Structure formats: structure tokens, C-alpha cells
C-alpha atoms as a PDB file:
ATOM      1  CA  MET A   1     261.585 168.245 292.210  1.00  0.00           C
ATOM      2  CA  GLU A   2     260.941 171.682 290.429  1.00  0.00           C
ATOM      3  CA  ARG A   3     259.199 169.649 287.604  1.00  0.00           C
ATOM      4  CA  ASN A   4     256.858 167.916 290.128  1.00  0.00           C
ATOM      5  CA  ARG A   5     255.899 171.295 291.560  1.00  0.00           C
ATOM      6  CA  LYS A   6     254.944 172.708 288.282  1.00  0.00           C
ATOM      7  CA  GLU A   7     252.798 169.778 287.383  1.00  0.00           C
ATOM      8  CA  LYS A   8     251.064 170.076 290.444  1.00  0.00           C
ATOM      9  CA  GLU A   9     250.433 173.705 290.031  1.00  0.00           C
ATOM     10  CA  GLY A  10     249.318 173.030 286.479  1.00  0.00           C
ATOM     11  CA  GLY A  11     246.838 170.407 287.972  1.00  0.00           C
ATOM     12  CA  VAL A  12     245.553 172.689 290.423  1.00  0.00           C
ATOM     13  CA  LEU A  13     244.736 175.420 287.873  1.00  0.00           C
ATOM     14  CA  SER A  14     243.221 172.998 285.692  1.00  0.00           C
ATOM     15  CA  THR A  15     241.105 171.754 288.537  1.00  0.00           C
ATOM     16  CA  VAL A  16     240.030 175.242 289.399  1.00  0.00           C
ATOM     17  CA  ALA A  17     239.228 176.124 285.800  1.00  0.00           C
ATOM     18  CA  GLU A  18     237.050 172.923 285.649  1.00  0.00           C
ATOM     19  CA  LEU A  19     235.397 173.555 288.850  1.00  0.00           C
ATOM     20  CA  PHE A  20     234.301 177.016 288.116  1.00  0.00           C
ATOM     21  CA  ASP A  21     233.764 176.193 284.325  1.00  0.00           C
ATOM     22  CA  LEU A  22     236.308 178.887 283.532  1.00  0.00           C
ATOM     23  CA  PRO A  23     238.940 178.875 280.624  1.00  0.00           C
ATOM     24  CA  ALA A  24     242.402 177.819 281.891  1.00  0.00           C
ATOM     25  CA  ASP A  25     244.187 180.854 280.377  1.00  0.00           C
ATOM     26  CA  VAL A  26     241.705 183.173 282.329  1.00  0.00           C
ATOM     27  CA  VAL A  27     242.553 181.284 285.828  1.00  0.00           C
ATOM     28  CA  ALA A  28     246.483 181.185 284.833  1.00  0.00           C
ATOM     29  CA  GLY A  29     246.298 185.003 284.107  1.00  0.00           C
ATOM     30  CA  LEU A  30     247.750 184.420 280.623  1.00  0.00           C
ATOM     31  CA  PRO A  31     247.394 187.254 277.952  1.00  0.00           C
ATOM     32  CA  ARG A  32     244.556 187.143 275.638  1.00  0.00           C
ATOM     33  CA  LEU A  33     244.816 188.525 272.040  1.00  0.00           C
ATOM     34  CA  GLU A  34     242.136 189.362 269.740  1.00  0.00           C
ATOM     35  CA  MET A  35     242.419 191.071 266.535  1.00  0.00           C
ATOM     36  CA  VAL A  36     239.752 192.691 264.220  1.00  0.00           C
ATOM     37  CA  GLY A  37     241.275 192.362 260.697  1.00  0.00           C
ATOM     38  CA  SER A  38     244.441 194.300 260.564  1.00  0.00           C
ATOM     39  CA  ARG A  39     242.829 197.516 262.014  1.00  0.00           C
ATOM     40  CA  GLN A  40     242.574 196.718 265.708  1.00  0.00           C
ATOM     41  CA  LEU A  41     244.279 194.592 268.512  1.00  0.00           C
ATOM     42  CA  TYR A  42     242.704 193.899 271.781  1.00  0.00           C
ATOM     43  CA  LEU A  43     245.106 192.577 274.560  1.00  0.00           C
ATOM     44  CA  GLU A  44     244.078 191.445 278.201  1.00  0.00           C
ATOM     45  CA  HIS A  45     246.206 190.776 280.972  1.00  0.00           C
ATOM     46  CA  HIS A  46     249.032 193.256 280.106  1.00  0.00           C
ATOM     47  CA  THR A  47     251.452 194.773 282.778  1.00  0.00           C
ATOM     48  CA  GLY A  48     252.349 197.893 280.985  1.00  0.00           C
ATOM     49  CA  ILE A  49     253.764 199.730 278.019  1.00  0.00           C
ATOM     50  CA  LEU A  50     257.361 199.377 277.402  1.00  0.00           C
ATOM     51  CA  ALA A  51     257.665 201.329 274.138  1.00  0.00           C
ATOM     52  CA  TYR A  52     255.293 203.572 272.213  1.00  0.00           C
ATOM     53  CA  SER A  53     255.425 205.141 268.727  1.00  0.00           C
ATOM     54  CA  GLN A  54     253.356 205.297 265.676  1.00  0.00           C
ATOM     55  CA  GLU A  55     255.376 202.344 264.229  1.00  0.00           C
ATOM     56  CA  LEU A  56     255.856 200.138 267.159  1.00  0.00           C
ATOM     57  CA  ILE A  57     254.196 199.257 270.483  1.00  0.00           C
ATOM     58  CA  ASP A  58     255.762 196.915 273.097  1.00  0.00           C
ATOM     59  CA  ALA A  59     253.332 195.659 275.736  1.00  0.00           C
ATOM     60  CA  ASN A  60     254.604 193.766 278.811  1.00  0.00           C
ATOM     61  CA  THR A  61     252.763 190.494 279.726  1.00  0.00           C
ATOM     62  CA  SER A  62     253.425 187.568 281.964  1.00  0.00           C
ATOM     63  CA  ALA A  63     254.180 185.608 278.892  1.00  0.00           C
ATOM     64  CA  GLY A  64     256.882 187.995 277.696  1.00  0.00           C
ATOM     65  CA  VAL A  65     256.872 191.216 275.464  1.00  0.00           C
ATOM     66  CA  LEU A  66     254.199 191.548 272.751  1.00  0.00           C
ATOM     67  CA  ARG A  67     255.484 193.753 269.999  1.00  0.00           C
ATOM     68  CA  VAL A  68     253.016 195.354 267.440  1.00  0.00           C
ATOM     69  CA  LYS A  69     254.608 196.742 264.365  1.00  0.00           C
ATOM     70  CA  GLY A  70     252.600 198.919 261.867  1.00  0.00           C
ATOM     71  CA  GLU A  71     251.675 202.330 260.743  1.00  0.00           C
ATOM     72  CA  ARG A  72     249.743 205.341 262.486  1.00  0.00           C
ATOM     73  CA  LEU A  73     249.592 202.938 265.667  1.00  0.00           C
ATOM     74  CA  THR A  74     247.490 204.457 268.526  1.00  0.00           C
ATOM     75  CA  LEU A  75     246.256 203.358 271.958  1.00  0.00           C
ATOM     76  CA  LEU A  76     242.425 203.581 271.645  1.00  0.00           C
ATOM     77  CA  ALA A  77     241.907 202.511 275.121  1.00  0.00           C
ATOM     78  CA  MET A  78     244.076 201.459 278.276  1.00  0.00           C
ATOM     79  CA  THR A  79     243.122 200.295 281.742  1.00  0.00           C
ATOM     80  CA  GLY A  80     245.328 198.474 284.369  1.00  0.00           C
ATOM     81  CA  GLU A  81     244.742 195.070 282.522  1.00  0.00           C
ATOM     82  CA  GLU A  82     243.283 195.846 279.086  1.00  0.00           C
ATOM     83  CA  LEU A  83     244.725 197.535 275.996  1.00  0.00           C
ATOM     84  CA  ARG A  84     243.316 198.392 272.602  1.00  0.00           C
ATOM     85  CA  ILE A  85     245.557 199.331 269.764  1.00  0.00           C
ATOM     86  CA  GLY A  86     244.423 200.847 266.440  1.00  0.00           C
ATOM     87  CA  GLY A  87     246.019 201.651 263.260  1.00  0.00           C
ATOM     88  CA  ARG A  88     247.434 199.447 260.340  1.00  0.00           C
ATOM     89  CA  ILE A  89     248.870 196.510 262.080  1.00  0.00           C
ATOM     90  CA  ASP A  90     251.527 194.564 259.980  1.00  0.00           C
ATOM     91  CA  ALA A  91     252.980 192.242 262.573  1.00  0.00           C
ATOM     92  CA  VAL A  92     252.409 190.916 265.973  1.00  0.00           C
ATOM     93  CA  GLU A  93     255.224 188.985 267.685  1.00  0.00           C
ATOM     94  CA  TRP A  94     256.556 187.652 270.955  1.00  0.00           C
ATOM     95  CA  VAL A  95     260.003 189.117 271.974  1.00  0.00           C
ATOM     96  CA  ARG A  96     261.524 186.825 274.647  1.00  0.00           C
END
């Protein structure tokens, strides 16, 4: 029964996305990542910062914790749902 409910919810999200011509990830509130080389990372739909240092930033999202590793990491900008990280980014990984 749980599986059927998830399939129906997925169907509803897909229908809404299609109806309004929106990407499904936007409707579902999934995190969206964009990297500019290895110097900047843009994250949409985060729910807060869990750890912050010049070598490591952990950002909470609905899909899990996004861990950014590197050197001289800084928060260039941060709003309630958007985050921009600068510095030398060596690795980006999901921590479950």
C-alpha cells in the first residue's frame, strides 16, 4: 500500500510539472546544484548549514547532507533556500 501511495504522489508531481511546464525537480523541492569550474558551487533548496570551516561545508537538504570539501571555502551568499560557496572545491558528495 505504501508503494502505491508513492507512485500516486509521483504521478501527481509529474502531472503538475507537466501542466505548468515546470521541471519536476522544482515541483518536488529537490536540491539543485550548479558548479562553475572548481571555484564556485550554487545550491538551491537547502535547509541549513550543519558544519562550516575553510576545508568543509555540510549543507542540509531534503535529499540528505551535501558535503563540500576543499581549501579556503567561504559562503559567498546565503538566503533561506539558496547558497553560494566559493574557494577551491575538491569534492562534492552526498552523506546519507
